[in-house]
Amino acid sequence: MTVLLVALGAAVGAPLRYLTDRTIQARHDSVFPWGTLTVNVAGSVVLGFITGLPVAPAVAALVLLLAQFFS
């Protein structure tokens, strides 16, 4: 079950990270990778928040799925 949740999270998260990166980078006329920086900082903040939440063991699988969206 855990492997399926990780795969599902990656399948949804990777295209969202790519689209966010391309959208932000298209708005800047700079060589600096603003899209990558934004995606990494936002993902770190959200992942830190999610992993810091106290959860019941029954909800741990859902937390794993959510964490995969942002890693």
PDB file of N, CA and C in Angstrom:
ATOM      1  N   MET A   1       0.825  -1.194   0.000  1.00  0.00           N
ATOM      2  CA  MET A   1       0.000   0.000   0.000  1.00  0.00           C
ATOM      3  C   MET A   1       0.872   1.261   0.000  1.00  0.00           C
ATOM      4  N   THR A   2       1.934   1.237   0.785  1.00  0.00           N
ATOM      5  CA  THR A   2       2.810   2.404   0.871  1.00  0.00           C
ATOM      6  C   THR A   2       3.446   2.711  -0.485  1.00  0.00           C
ATOM      7  N   VAL A   3       3.857   1.688  -1.195  1.00  0.00           N
ATOM      8  CA  VAL A   3       4.487   1.884  -2.506  1.00  0.00           C
ATOM      9  C   VAL A   3       3.499   2.522  -3.477  1.00  0.00           C
ATOM     10  N   LEU A   4       2.250   2.111  -3.411  1.00  0.00           N
ATOM     11  CA  LEU A   4       1.241   2.699  -4.294  1.00  0.00           C
ATOM     12  C   LEU A   4       0.994   4.169  -3.969  1.00  0.00           C
ATOM     13  N   LEU A   5       0.984   4.514  -2.689  1.00  0.00           N
ATOM     14  CA  LEU A   5       0.792   5.911  -2.307  1.00  0.00           C
ATOM     15  C   LEU A   5       1.969   6.772  -2.747  1.00  0.00           C
ATOM     16  N   VAL A   6       3.166   6.252  -2.619  1.00  0.00           N
ATOM     17  CA  VAL A   6       4.350   6.990  -3.071  1.00  0.00           C
ATOM     18  C   VAL A   6       4.291   7.183  -4.585  1.00  0.00           C
ATOM     19  N   ALA A   7       3.915   6.153  -5.319  1.00  0.00           N
ATOM     20  CA  ALA A   7       3.811   6.251  -6.779  1.00  0.00           C
ATOM     21  C   ALA A   7       2.721   7.242  -7.187  1.00  0.00           C
ATOM     22  N   LEU A   8       1.592   7.215  -6.501  1.00  0.00           N
ATOM     23  CA  LEU A   8       0.509   8.145  -6.811  1.00  0.00           C
ATOM     24  C   LEU A   8       0.931   9.577  -6.521  1.00  0.00           C
ATOM     25  N   GLY A   9       1.577   9.780  -5.392  1.00  0.00           N
ATOM     26  CA  GLY A   9       2.046  11.117  -5.048  1.00  0.00           C
ATOM     27  C   GLY A   9       3.049  11.649  -6.057  1.00  0.00           C
ATOM     28  N   ALA A  10       3.957  10.802  -6.489  1.00  0.00           N
ATOM     29  CA  ALA A  10       4.953  11.211  -7.484  1.00  0.00           C
ATOM     30  C   ALA A  10       4.304  11.483  -8.841  1.00  0.00           C
ATOM     31  N   ALA A  11       3.331  10.672  -9.207  1.00  0.00           N
ATOM     32  CA  ALA A  11       2.659  10.839 -10.498  1.00  0.00           C
ATOM     33  C   ALA A  11       1.882  12.151 -10.564  1.00  0.00           C
ATOM     34  N   VAL A  12       1.364  12.599  -9.459  1.00  0.00           N
ATOM     35  CA  VAL A  12       0.635  13.869  -9.426  1.00  0.00           C
ATOM     36  C   VAL A  12       1.583  15.036  -9.166  1.00  0.00           C
ATOM     37  N   GLY A  13       2.525  14.847  -8.263  1.00  0.00           N
ATOM     38  CA  GLY A  13       3.403  15.937  -7.853  1.00  0.00           C
ATOM     39  C   GLY A  13       4.398  16.380  -8.911  1.00  0.00           C
ATOM     40  N   ALA A  14       4.968  15.455  -9.651  1.00  0.00           N
ATOM     41  CA  ALA A  14       5.998  15.807 -10.641  1.00  0.00           C
ATOM     42  C   ALA A  14       5.460  16.738 -11.739  1.00  0.00           C
ATOM     43  N   PRO A  15       4.333  16.425 -12.351  1.00  0.00           N
ATOM     44  CA  PRO A  15       3.818  17.362 -13.363  1.00  0.00           C
ATOM     45  C   PRO A  15       3.429  18.720 -12.771  1.00  0.00           C
ATOM     46  N   LEU A  16       2.909  18.728 -11.546  1.00  0.00           N
ATOM     47  CA  LEU A  16       2.556  20.001 -10.914  1.00  0.00           C
ATOM     48  C   LEU A  16       3.797  20.850 -10.640  1.00  0.00           C
ATOM     49  N   ARG A  17       4.885  20.198 -10.189  1.00  0.00           N
ATOM     50  CA  ARG A  17       6.136  20.933  -9.977  1.00  0.00           C
ATOM     51  C   ARG A  17       6.666  21.490 -11.298  1.00  0.00           C
ATOM     52  N   TYR A  18       6.607  20.699 -12.348  1.00  0.00           N
ATOM     53  CA  TYR A  18       7.096  21.136 -13.657  1.00  0.00           C
ATOM     54  C   TYR A  18       6.277  22.325 -14.174  1.00  0.00           C
ATOM     55  N   LEU A  19       4.953  22.216 -14.093  1.00  0.00           N
ATOM     56  CA  LEU A  19       4.100  23.297 -14.588  1.00  0.00           C
ATOM     57  C   LEU A  19       4.288  24.579 -13.783  1.00  0.00           C
ATOM     58  N   THR A  20       4.436  24.441 -12.484  1.00  0.00           N
ATOM     59  CA  THR A  20       4.689  25.615 -11.648  1.00  0.00           C
ATOM     60  C   THR A  20       6.023  26.260 -12.020  1.00  0.00           C
ATOM     61  N   ASP A  21       7.045  25.443 -12.189  1.00  0.00           N
ATOM     62  CA  ASP A  21       8.360  25.942 -12.575  1.00  0.00           C
ATOM     63  C   ASP A  21       8.289  26.691 -13.901  1.00  0.00           C
ATOM     64  N   ARG A  22       7.667  26.111 -14.888  1.00  0.00           N
ATOM     65  CA  ARG A  22       7.590  26.742 -16.208  1.00  0.00           C
ATOM     66  C   ARG A  22       6.768  28.024 -16.165  1.00  0.00           C
ATOM     67  N   THR A  23       5.691  28.045 -15.398  1.00  0.00           N
ATOM     68  CA  THR A  23       4.847  29.235 -15.304  1.00  0.00           C
ATOM     69  C   THR A  23       5.610  30.400 -14.682  1.00  0.00           C
ATOM     70  N   ILE A  24       6.312  30.136 -13.604  1.00  0.00           N
ATOM     71  CA  ILE A  24       7.055  31.194 -12.922  1.00  0.00           C
ATOM     72  C   ILE A  24       8.248  31.635 -13.756  1.00  0.00           C
ATOM     73  N   GLN A  25       8.950  30.693 -14.348  1.00  0.00           N
ATOM     74  CA  GLN A  25      10.127  31.044 -15.158  1.00  0.00           C
ATOM     75  C   GLN A  25       9.727  31.860 -16.385  1.00  0.00           C
ATOM     76  N   ALA A  26       8.551  31.608 -16.933  1.00  0.00           N
ATOM     77  CA  ALA A  26       8.104  32.355 -18.110  1.00  0.00           C
ATOM     78  C   ALA A  26       7.826  33.823 -17.789  1.00  0.00           C
ATOM     79  N   ARG A  27       7.585  34.128 -16.528  1.00  0.00           N
ATOM     80  CA  ARG A  27       7.287  35.500 -16.126  1.00  0.00           C
ATOM     81  C   ARG A  27       8.539  36.319 -15.827  1.00  0.00           C
ATOM     82  N   HIS A  28       9.695  35.693 -15.841  1.00  0.00           N
ATOM     83  CA  HIS A  28      10.940  36.398 -15.536  1.00  0.00           C
ATOM     84  C   HIS A  28      11.892  36.328 -16.722  1.00  0.00           C
ATOM     85  N   ASP A  29      12.510  37.446 -17.023  1.00  0.00           N
ATOM     86  CA  ASP A  29      13.494  37.493 -18.109  1.00  0.00           C
ATOM     87  C   ASP A  29      14.900  37.403 -17.541  1.00  0.00           C
ATOM     88  N   SER A  30      15.116  36.404 -16.716  1.00  0.00           N
ATOM     89  CA  SER A  30      16.390  36.256 -16.028  1.00  0.00           C
ATOM     90  C   SER A  30      16.928  34.844 -16.253  1.00  0.00           C
ATOM     91  N   VAL A  31      18.234  34.725 -16.158  1.00  0.00           N
ATOM     92  CA  VAL A  31      18.855  33.413 -16.268  1.00  0.00           C
ATOM     93  C   VAL A  31      18.688  32.637 -14.962  1.00  0.00           C
ATOM     94  N   PHE A  32      18.508  33.363 -13.856  1.00  0.00           N
ATOM     95  CA  PHE A  32      18.345  32.718 -12.557  1.00  0.00           C
ATOM     96  C   PHE A  32      17.090  31.845 -12.557  1.00  0.00           C
ATOM     97  N   PRO A  33      17.160  30.628 -12.049  1.00  0.00           N
ATOM     98  CA  PRO A  33      16.014  29.703 -12.066  1.00  0.00           C
ATOM     99  C   PRO A  33      14.977  30.016 -10.976  1.00  0.00           C
ATOM    100  N   TRP A  34      14.213  31.087 -11.174  1.00  0.00           N
ATOM    101  CA  TRP A  34      13.211  31.499 -10.187  1.00  0.00           C
ATOM    102  C   TRP A  34      12.139  30.433  -9.988  1.00  0.00           C
ATOM    103  N   GLY A  35      11.768  29.738 -11.033  1.00  0.00           N
ATOM    104  CA  GLY A  35      10.753  28.690 -10.913  1.00  0.00           C
ATOM    105  C   GLY A  35      11.216  27.559 -10.020  1.00  0.00           C
ATOM    106  N   THR A  36      12.439  27.124 -10.201  1.00  0.00           N
ATOM    107  CA  THR A  36      12.991  26.047  -9.377  1.00  0.00           C
ATOM    108  C   THR A  36      13.102  26.485  -7.920  1.00  0.00           C
ATOM    109  N   LEU A  37      13.562  27.700  -7.704  1.00  0.00           N
ATOM    110  CA  LEU A  37      13.669  28.211  -6.337  1.00  0.00           C
ATOM    111  C   LEU A  37      12.300  28.262  -5.666  1.00  0.00           C
ATOM    112  N   THR A  38      11.312  28.762  -6.366  1.00  0.00           N
ATOM    113  CA  THR A  38       9.966  28.859  -5.810  1.00  0.00           C
ATOM    114  C   THR A  38       9.392  27.494  -5.479  1.00  0.00           C
ATOM    115  N   VAL A  39       9.522  26.554  -6.399  1.00  0.00           N
ATOM    116  CA  VAL A  39       9.002  25.206  -6.169  1.00  0.00           C
ATOM    117  C   VAL A  39       9.700  24.553  -4.981  1.00  0.00           C
ATOM    118  N   ASN A  40      11.012  24.699  -4.881  1.00  0.00           N
ATOM    119  CA  ASN A  40      11.753  24.069  -3.783  1.00  0.00           C
ATOM    120  C   ASN A  40      11.432  24.693  -2.432  1.00  0.00           C
ATOM    121  N   VAL A  41      11.346  26.011  -2.375  1.00  0.00           N
ATOM    122  CA  VAL A  41      11.035  26.674  -1.104  1.00  0.00           C
ATOM    123  C   VAL A  41       9.602  26.367  -0.675  1.00  0.00           C
ATOM    124  N   ALA A  42       8.657  26.480  -1.591  1.00  0.00           N
ATOM    125  CA  ALA A  42       7.263  26.185  -1.256  1.00  0.00           C
ATOM    126  C   ALA A  42       7.100  24.724  -0.831  1.00  0.00           C
ATOM    127  N   GLY A  43       7.742  23.822  -1.548  1.00  0.00           N
ATOM    128  CA  GLY A  43       7.663  22.402  -1.193  1.00  0.00           C
ATOM    129  C   GLY A  43       8.270  22.119   0.169  1.00  0.00           C
ATOM    130  N   SER A  44       9.368  22.771   0.486  1.00  0.00           N
ATOM    131  CA  SER A  44      10.004  22.581   1.793  1.00  0.00           C
ATOM    132  C   SER A  44       9.117  23.074   2.925  1.00  0.00           C
ATOM    133  N   VAL A  45       8.495  24.217   2.723  1.00  0.00           N
ATOM    134  CA  VAL A  45       7.606  24.769   3.755  1.00  0.00           C
ATOM    135  C   VAL A  45       6.400  23.859   3.975  1.00  0.00           C
ATOM    136  N   VAL A  46       5.770  23.449   2.895  1.00  0.00           N
ATOM    137  CA  VAL A  46       4.579  22.598   3.021  1.00  0.00           C
ATOM    138  C   VAL A  46       4.949  21.231   3.598  1.00  0.00           C
ATOM    139  N   LEU A  47       6.045  20.649   3.130  1.00  0.00           N
ATOM    140  CA  LEU A  47       6.469  19.351   3.639  1.00  0.00           C
ATOM    141  C   LEU A  47       6.826  19.434   5.117  1.00  0.00           C
ATOM    142  N   GLY A  48       7.491  20.494   5.530  1.00  0.00           N
ATOM    143  CA  GLY A  48       7.805  20.689   6.942  1.00  0.00           C
ATOM    144  C   GLY A  48       6.557  20.824   7.781  1.00  0.00           C
ATOM    145  N   PHE A  49       5.562  21.537   7.268  1.00  0.00           N
ATOM    146  CA  PHE A  49       4.296  21.690   7.989  1.00  0.00           C
ATOM    147  C   PHE A  49       3.567  20.354   8.117  1.00  0.00           C
ATOM    148  N   ILE A  50       3.493  19.621   7.007  1.00  0.00           N
ATOM    149  CA  ILE A  50       2.773  18.338   7.016  1.00  0.00           C
ATOM    150  C   ILE A  50       3.434  17.340   7.951  1.00  0.00           C
ATOM    151  N   THR A  51       4.747  17.245   7.902  1.00  0.00           N
ATOM    152  CA  THR A  51       5.429  16.265   8.747  1.00  0.00           C
ATOM    153  C   THR A  51       5.441  16.676  10.212  1.00  0.00           C
ATOM    154  N   GLY A  52       5.226  17.948  10.498  1.00  0.00           N
ATOM    155  CA  GLY A  52       5.180  18.405  11.877  1.00  0.00           C
ATOM    156  C   GLY A  52       3.835  18.235  12.537  1.00  0.00           C
ATOM    157  N   LEU A  53       2.821  17.920  11.761  1.00  0.00           N
ATOM    158  CA  LEU A  53       1.484  17.747  12.326  1.00  0.00           C
ATOM    159  C   LEU A  53       1.386  16.437  13.106  1.00  0.00           C
ATOM    160  N   PRO A  54       0.743  16.479  14.259  1.00  0.00           N
ATOM    161  CA  PRO A  54       0.503  15.217  14.961  1.00  0.00           C
ATOM    162  C   PRO A  54      -0.644  14.472  14.267  1.00  0.00           C
ATOM    163  N   VAL A  55      -0.420  13.211  13.952  1.00  0.00           N
ATOM    164  CA  VAL A  55      -1.452  12.434  13.266  1.00  0.00           C
ATOM    165  C   VAL A  55      -1.655  11.095  13.960  1.00  0.00           C
ATOM    166  N   ALA A  56      -2.853  10.600  13.820  1.00  0.00           N
ATOM    167  CA  ALA A  56      -3.165   9.265  14.323  1.00  0.00           C
ATOM    168  C   ALA A  56      -2.581   8.238  13.356  1.00  0.00           C
ATOM    169  N   PRO A  57      -2.278   7.046  13.838  1.00  0.00           N
ATOM    170  CA  PRO A  57      -1.723   6.018  12.941  1.00  0.00           C
ATOM    171  C   PRO A  57      -2.621   5.717  11.742  1.00  0.00           C
ATOM    172  N   ALA A  58      -3.910   5.871  11.901  1.00  0.00           N
ATOM    173  CA  ALA A  58      -4.827   5.586  10.791  1.00  0.00           C
ATOM    174  C   ALA A  58      -4.692   6.619   9.672  1.00  0.00           C
ATOM    175  N   VAL A  59      -4.195   7.802   9.977  1.00  0.00           N
ATOM    176  CA  VAL A  59      -4.080   8.875   8.999  1.00  0.00           C
ATOM    177  C   VAL A  59      -2.662   8.941   8.424  1.00  0.00           C
ATOM    178  N   ALA A  60      -1.770   8.126   8.915  1.00  0.00           N
ATOM    179  CA  ALA A  60      -0.367   8.174   8.491  1.00  0.00           C
ATOM    180  C   ALA A  60      -0.212   7.938   6.993  1.00  0.00           C
ATOM    181  N   ALA A  61      -1.024   7.066   6.410  1.00  0.00           N
ATOM    182  CA  ALA A  61      -0.940   6.801   4.974  1.00  0.00           C
ATOM    183  C   ALA A  61      -1.326   8.039   4.172  1.00  0.00           C
ATOM    184  N   LEU A  62      -2.317   8.773   4.641  1.00  0.00           N
ATOM    185  CA  LEU A  62      -2.720   9.995   3.954  1.00  0.00           C
ATOM    186  C   LEU A  62      -1.614  11.050   4.040  1.00  0.00           C
ATOM    187  N   VAL A  63      -0.964  11.134   5.166  1.00  0.00           N
ATOM    188  CA  VAL A  63       0.152  12.070   5.325  1.00  0.00           C
ATOM    189  C   VAL A  63       1.290  11.697   4.379  1.00  0.00           C
ATOM    190  N   LEU A  64       1.557  10.422   4.224  1.00  0.00           N
ATOM    191  CA  LEU A  64       2.580   9.962   3.291  1.00  0.00           C
ATOM    192  C   LEU A  64       2.230  10.378   1.876  1.00  0.00           C
ATOM    193  N   LEU A  65       0.977  10.225   1.494  1.00  0.00           N
ATOM    194  CA  LEU A  65       0.539  10.628   0.160  1.00  0.00           C
ATOM    195  C   LEU A  65       0.707  12.118  -0.043  1.00  0.00           C
ATOM    196  N   LEU A  66       0.280  12.922   0.925  1.00  0.00           N
ATOM    197  CA  LEU A  66       0.414  14.373   0.817  1.00  0.00           C
ATOM    198  C   LEU A  66       1.877  14.801   0.763  1.00  0.00           C
ATOM    199  N   ALA A  67       2.702  14.136   1.531  1.00  0.00           N
ATOM    200  CA  ALA A  67       4.122  14.467   1.548  1.00  0.00           C
ATOM    201  C   ALA A  67       4.758  14.202   0.186  1.00  0.00           C
ATOM    202  N   GLN A  68       4.307  13.213  -0.520  1.00  0.00           N
ATOM    203  CA  GLN A  68       4.881  12.902  -1.827  1.00  0.00           C
ATOM    204  C   GLN A  68       4.554  13.964  -2.862  1.00  0.00           C
ATOM    205  N   PHE A  69       3.434  14.660  -2.704  1.00  0.00           N
ATOM    206  CA  PHE A  69       3.107  15.733  -3.634  1.00  0.00           C
ATOM    207  C   PHE A  69       4.150  16.841  -3.596  1.00  0.00           C
ATOM    208  N   PHE A  70       4.772  17.055  -2.438  1.00  0.00           N
ATOM    209  CA  PHE A  70       5.656  18.190  -2.252  1.00  0.00           C
ATOM    210  C   PHE A  70       7.128  17.823  -2.156  1.00  0.00           C
ATOM    211  N   SER A  71       7.467  16.555  -2.329  1.00  0.00           N
ATOM    212  CA  SER A  71       8.879  16.189  -2.238  1.00  0.00           C
ATOM    213  C   SER A  71       9.492  15.995  -3.601  1.00  0.00           C
TER     214      SER A  71
END
